[in-house]
């Protein structure tokens, strides 16, 4: 997080952000009740159960509420206009 951020939506916020750490939990649910039937550890997934491959961080603008990948805020922060 040593790169400046800027919100691509409100375009003015450069200082107030919420960093959201994403922690995926792989589970199998009961189709009728929605209760968790099984929790999977990393590397022990069943066939047809893909591991989470999204970004580890999301960023929320604390001014307008936009939530995006961290790279979006970084790229917009590189532009000083």
N, C-alpha and C. Protein backbone atom coordinates (compact mmCIF):
# COMPACT_ATOMS: atom_id res chain seq x y z
N UNK A 1 0.81 -1.19 0.00
CA UNK A 1 0.00 0.00 0.00
C UNK A 1 0.86 1.26 0.00
N UNK A 2 1.89 1.30 -0.78
CA UNK A 2 2.74 2.48 -0.85
C UNK A 2 2.47 3.29 -2.10
N UNK A 3 1.42 2.94 -2.82
CA UNK A 3 1.03 3.66 -4.02
C UNK A 3 -0.14 4.58 -3.68
N UNK A 4 -0.14 5.81 -4.18
CA UNK A 4 -1.28 6.70 -3.90
C UNK A 4 -2.57 6.14 -4.50
N UNK A 5 -3.65 6.36 -3.78
CA UNK A 5 -4.99 5.98 -4.26
C UNK A 5 -5.74 7.25 -4.65
N UNK A 6 -6.71 7.09 -5.54
CA UNK A 6 -7.69 8.13 -5.83
C UNK A 6 -8.95 7.42 -6.27
N UNK A 7 -10.09 7.90 -5.82
CA UNK A 7 -11.36 7.27 -6.16
C UNK A 7 -11.74 7.57 -7.60
N UNK A 8 -12.02 6.52 -8.40
CA UNK A 8 -12.42 6.75 -9.79
C UNK A 8 -13.86 7.23 -9.92
N UNK A 9 -14.63 7.17 -8.86
CA UNK A 9 -16.03 7.60 -8.92
C UNK A 9 -16.18 9.07 -8.55
N UNK A 10 -15.79 9.43 -7.32
CA UNK A 10 -15.95 10.83 -6.90
C UNK A 10 -14.78 11.70 -7.37
N UNK A 11 -13.67 11.08 -7.74
CA UNK A 11 -12.50 11.73 -8.35
C UNK A 11 -11.78 12.73 -7.46
N UNK A 12 -12.24 12.96 -6.24
CA UNK A 12 -11.58 13.94 -5.38
C UNK A 12 -10.90 13.29 -4.18
N UNK A 13 -11.41 12.17 -3.70
CA UNK A 13 -10.87 11.54 -2.50
C UNK A 13 -9.52 10.90 -2.78
N UNK A 14 -8.51 11.32 -2.02
CA UNK A 14 -7.18 10.74 -2.11
C UNK A 14 -6.69 10.28 -0.73
N UNK A 15 -7.52 10.43 0.30
CA UNK A 15 -7.03 10.19 1.66
C UNK A 15 -7.87 9.24 2.49
N UNK A 16 -9.15 9.07 2.24
CA UNK A 16 -10.02 8.29 3.12
C UNK A 16 -10.53 7.04 2.41
N UNK A 17 -10.02 5.88 2.87
CA UNK A 17 -10.39 4.60 2.26
C UNK A 17 -10.55 3.53 3.32
N UNK A 18 -11.33 2.53 3.02
CA UNK A 18 -11.45 1.33 3.84
C UNK A 18 -10.81 0.19 3.08
N UNK A 19 -9.84 -0.48 3.70
CA UNK A 19 -9.17 -1.64 3.10
C UNK A 19 -9.91 -2.88 3.58
N UNK A 20 -10.41 -3.66 2.64
CA UNK A 20 -11.19 -4.86 2.95
C UNK A 20 -10.35 -6.08 2.62
N UNK A 21 -10.00 -6.85 3.64
CA UNK A 21 -9.23 -8.07 3.42
C UNK A 21 -10.20 -9.21 3.19
N UNK A 22 -10.07 -9.86 2.05
CA UNK A 22 -10.97 -10.94 1.68
C UNK A 22 -10.37 -12.28 2.10
N UNK A 23 -11.11 -13.01 2.89
CA UNK A 23 -10.70 -14.33 3.33
C UNK A 23 -11.79 -15.30 2.88
N UNK A 24 -11.46 -16.11 1.90
CA UNK A 24 -12.44 -17.05 1.36
C UNK A 24 -12.55 -18.28 2.26
N UNK A 25 -13.77 -18.74 2.42
CA UNK A 25 -14.03 -19.96 3.19
C UNK A 25 -14.80 -20.91 2.28
N UNK A 26 -14.19 -22.01 1.92
CA UNK A 26 -14.82 -22.98 1.03
C UNK A 26 -15.74 -23.89 1.85
N UNK A 27 -17.00 -23.94 1.46
CA UNK A 27 -17.98 -24.74 2.19
C UNK A 27 -18.90 -25.46 1.23
N UNK A 28 -19.56 -26.49 1.74
CA UNK A 28 -20.61 -27.19 1.02
C UNK A 28 -21.89 -26.97 1.82
N UNK A 29 -22.96 -26.52 1.15
CA UNK A 29 -24.22 -26.20 1.82
C UNK A 29 -25.28 -27.26 1.54
N UNK A 30 -26.18 -27.44 2.50
CA UNK A 30 -27.36 -28.27 2.27
C UNK A 30 -28.28 -27.50 1.35
N UNK A 31 -28.73 -28.11 0.22
CA UNK A 31 -29.52 -27.36 -0.75
C UNK A 31 -30.91 -26.94 -0.24
N UNK A 32 -31.47 -27.65 0.73
CA UNK A 32 -32.78 -27.28 1.24
C UNK A 32 -32.72 -26.24 2.36
N UNK A 33 -31.83 -26.46 3.33
CA UNK A 33 -31.78 -25.59 4.50
C UNK A 33 -30.77 -24.45 4.37
N UNK A 34 -29.75 -24.64 3.55
CA UNK A 34 -28.69 -23.64 3.42
C UNK A 34 -27.65 -23.74 4.51
N UNK A 35 -27.77 -24.73 5.38
CA UNK A 35 -26.78 -24.91 6.45
C UNK A 35 -25.47 -25.47 5.89
N UNK A 36 -24.38 -25.13 6.56
CA UNK A 36 -23.07 -25.64 6.16
C UNK A 36 -22.99 -27.11 6.51
N UNK A 37 -22.74 -27.95 5.49
CA UNK A 37 -22.61 -29.38 5.67
C UNK A 37 -21.14 -29.76 5.88
N UNK A 38 -20.26 -29.06 5.16
CA UNK A 38 -18.84 -29.37 5.23
C UNK A 38 -18.02 -28.13 4.95
N UNK A 39 -16.93 -27.97 5.69
CA UNK A 39 -15.95 -26.92 5.44
C UNK A 39 -14.69 -27.57 4.90
N UNK A 40 -14.10 -26.94 3.90
CA UNK A 40 -12.91 -27.49 3.27
C UNK A 40 -11.68 -26.71 3.67
N UNK A 41 -10.58 -27.41 3.89
CA UNK A 41 -9.29 -26.77 4.12
C UNK A 41 -8.66 -26.47 2.76
N UNK A 42 -7.68 -25.59 2.79
CA UNK A 42 -6.96 -25.25 1.56
C UNK A 42 -6.36 -26.50 0.94
N UNK A 43 -6.58 -26.74 -0.32
CA UNK A 43 -6.00 -27.88 -1.02
C UNK A 43 -6.76 -29.18 -0.85
N UNK A 44 -7.88 -29.17 -0.14
CA UNK A 44 -8.65 -30.40 0.05
C UNK A 44 -10.05 -30.28 -0.53
N UNK A 45 -10.18 -29.57 -1.62
CA UNK A 45 -11.48 -29.39 -2.25
C UNK A 45 -11.87 -30.62 -3.04
N UNK A 46 -13.17 -30.82 -3.16
CA UNK A 46 -13.70 -31.92 -3.97
C UNK A 46 -13.64 -31.54 -5.45
N UNK A 47 -13.74 -32.54 -6.32
CA UNK A 47 -13.85 -32.21 -7.75
C UNK A 47 -15.06 -31.30 -7.99
N UNK A 48 -14.97 -30.41 -8.92
CA UNK A 48 -16.00 -29.44 -9.29
C UNK A 48 -16.18 -28.32 -8.26
N UNK A 49 -15.29 -28.26 -7.27
CA UNK A 49 -15.32 -27.15 -6.32
C UNK A 49 -14.04 -26.35 -6.54
N UNK A 50 -14.16 -25.23 -7.25
CA UNK A 50 -13.00 -24.41 -7.56
C UNK A 50 -12.56 -23.59 -6.36
N UNK A 51 -11.28 -23.43 -6.20
CA UNK A 51 -10.74 -22.58 -5.14
C UNK A 51 -10.95 -21.12 -5.50
N UNK A 52 -11.07 -20.27 -4.51
CA UNK A 52 -11.22 -18.83 -4.73
C UNK A 52 -9.99 -18.29 -5.43
N UNK A 53 -10.22 -17.49 -6.46
CA UNK A 53 -9.09 -16.95 -7.21
C UNK A 53 -9.19 -15.43 -7.36
N UNK A 54 -9.98 -14.79 -6.53
CA UNK A 54 -10.14 -13.34 -6.60
C UNK A 54 -9.03 -12.60 -5.89
N UNK A 55 -9.12 -11.29 -5.86
CA UNK A 55 -8.07 -10.49 -5.23
C UNK A 55 -8.11 -10.62 -3.70
N UNK A 56 -6.95 -10.52 -3.06
CA UNK A 56 -6.91 -10.62 -1.60
C UNK A 56 -7.43 -9.36 -0.92
N UNK A 57 -7.43 -8.22 -1.64
CA UNK A 57 -7.89 -6.95 -1.08
C UNK A 57 -8.93 -6.29 -1.97
N UNK A 58 -9.86 -5.62 -1.35
CA UNK A 58 -10.77 -4.70 -2.03
C UNK A 58 -10.61 -3.37 -1.30
N UNK A 59 -10.94 -2.29 -1.97
CA UNK A 59 -10.86 -0.96 -1.36
C UNK A 59 -12.21 -0.29 -1.50
N UNK A 60 -12.63 0.39 -0.42
CA UNK A 60 -13.86 1.17 -0.46
C UNK A 60 -13.50 2.63 -0.25
N UNK A 61 -14.03 3.49 -1.10
CA UNK A 61 -13.87 4.93 -0.91
C UNK A 61 -14.72 5.31 0.29
N UNK A 62 -14.11 5.97 1.28
CA UNK A 62 -14.83 6.35 2.48
C UNK A 62 -15.59 7.66 2.30
N UNK A 63 -15.57 8.20 1.07
CA UNK A 63 -16.33 9.40 0.77
C UNK A 63 -17.63 9.06 0.04
N UNK A 64 -17.53 8.26 -1.03
CA UNK A 64 -18.73 7.95 -1.82
C UNK A 64 -19.21 6.51 -1.68
N UNK A 65 -18.37 5.62 -1.11
CA UNK A 65 -18.78 4.25 -0.86
C UNK A 65 -18.46 3.25 -1.95
N UNK A 66 -17.82 3.66 -3.05
CA UNK A 66 -17.47 2.75 -4.14
C UNK A 66 -16.54 1.66 -3.65
N UNK A 67 -16.82 0.40 -4.00
CA UNK A 67 -15.95 -0.73 -3.67
C UNK A 67 -15.42 -1.32 -4.97
N UNK A 68 -14.10 -1.40 -5.09
CA UNK A 68 -13.44 -1.94 -6.29
C UNK A 68 -12.17 -2.67 -5.88
N UNK A 69 -11.54 -3.32 -6.86
CA UNK A 69 -10.24 -3.93 -6.64
C UNK A 69 -9.23 -2.82 -6.32
N UNK A 70 -8.22 -3.19 -5.56
CA UNK A 70 -7.19 -2.23 -5.18
C UNK A 70 -6.50 -1.63 -6.40
N UNK A 71 -6.30 -2.42 -7.44
CA UNK A 71 -5.59 -1.93 -8.64
C UNK A 71 -6.34 -0.77 -9.30
N UNK A 72 -7.65 -0.75 -9.22
CA UNK A 72 -8.44 0.35 -9.80
C UNK A 72 -8.10 1.67 -9.12
N UNK A 73 -8.04 1.66 -7.79
CA UNK A 73 -7.71 2.88 -7.05
C UNK A 73 -6.25 3.27 -7.26
N UNK A 74 -5.37 2.29 -7.37
CA UNK A 74 -3.95 2.58 -7.62
C UNK A 74 -3.75 3.23 -8.98
N UNK A 75 -4.35 2.65 -10.01
CA UNK A 75 -4.19 3.19 -11.37
C UNK A 75 -4.73 4.62 -11.44
N UNK A 76 -5.86 4.86 -10.81
CA UNK A 76 -6.44 6.20 -10.84
C UNK A 76 -5.59 7.16 -10.01
N UNK A 77 -4.92 6.66 -8.96
CA UNK A 77 -4.05 7.48 -8.14
C UNK A 77 -2.77 7.89 -8.83
N UNK A 78 -2.33 7.09 -9.82
CA UNK A 78 -1.12 7.42 -10.57
C UNK A 78 -1.33 8.65 -11.44
N UNK A 79 -2.56 8.88 -11.86
CA UNK A 79 -2.89 10.03 -12.69
C UNK A 79 -3.11 11.24 -11.78
N UNK A 80 -2.29 12.26 -11.91
CA UNK A 80 -2.35 13.43 -11.02
C UNK A 80 -3.32 14.51 -11.46
N UNK A 81 -4.07 14.28 -12.53
CA UNK A 81 -4.95 15.34 -13.00
C UNK A 81 -6.21 15.43 -12.19
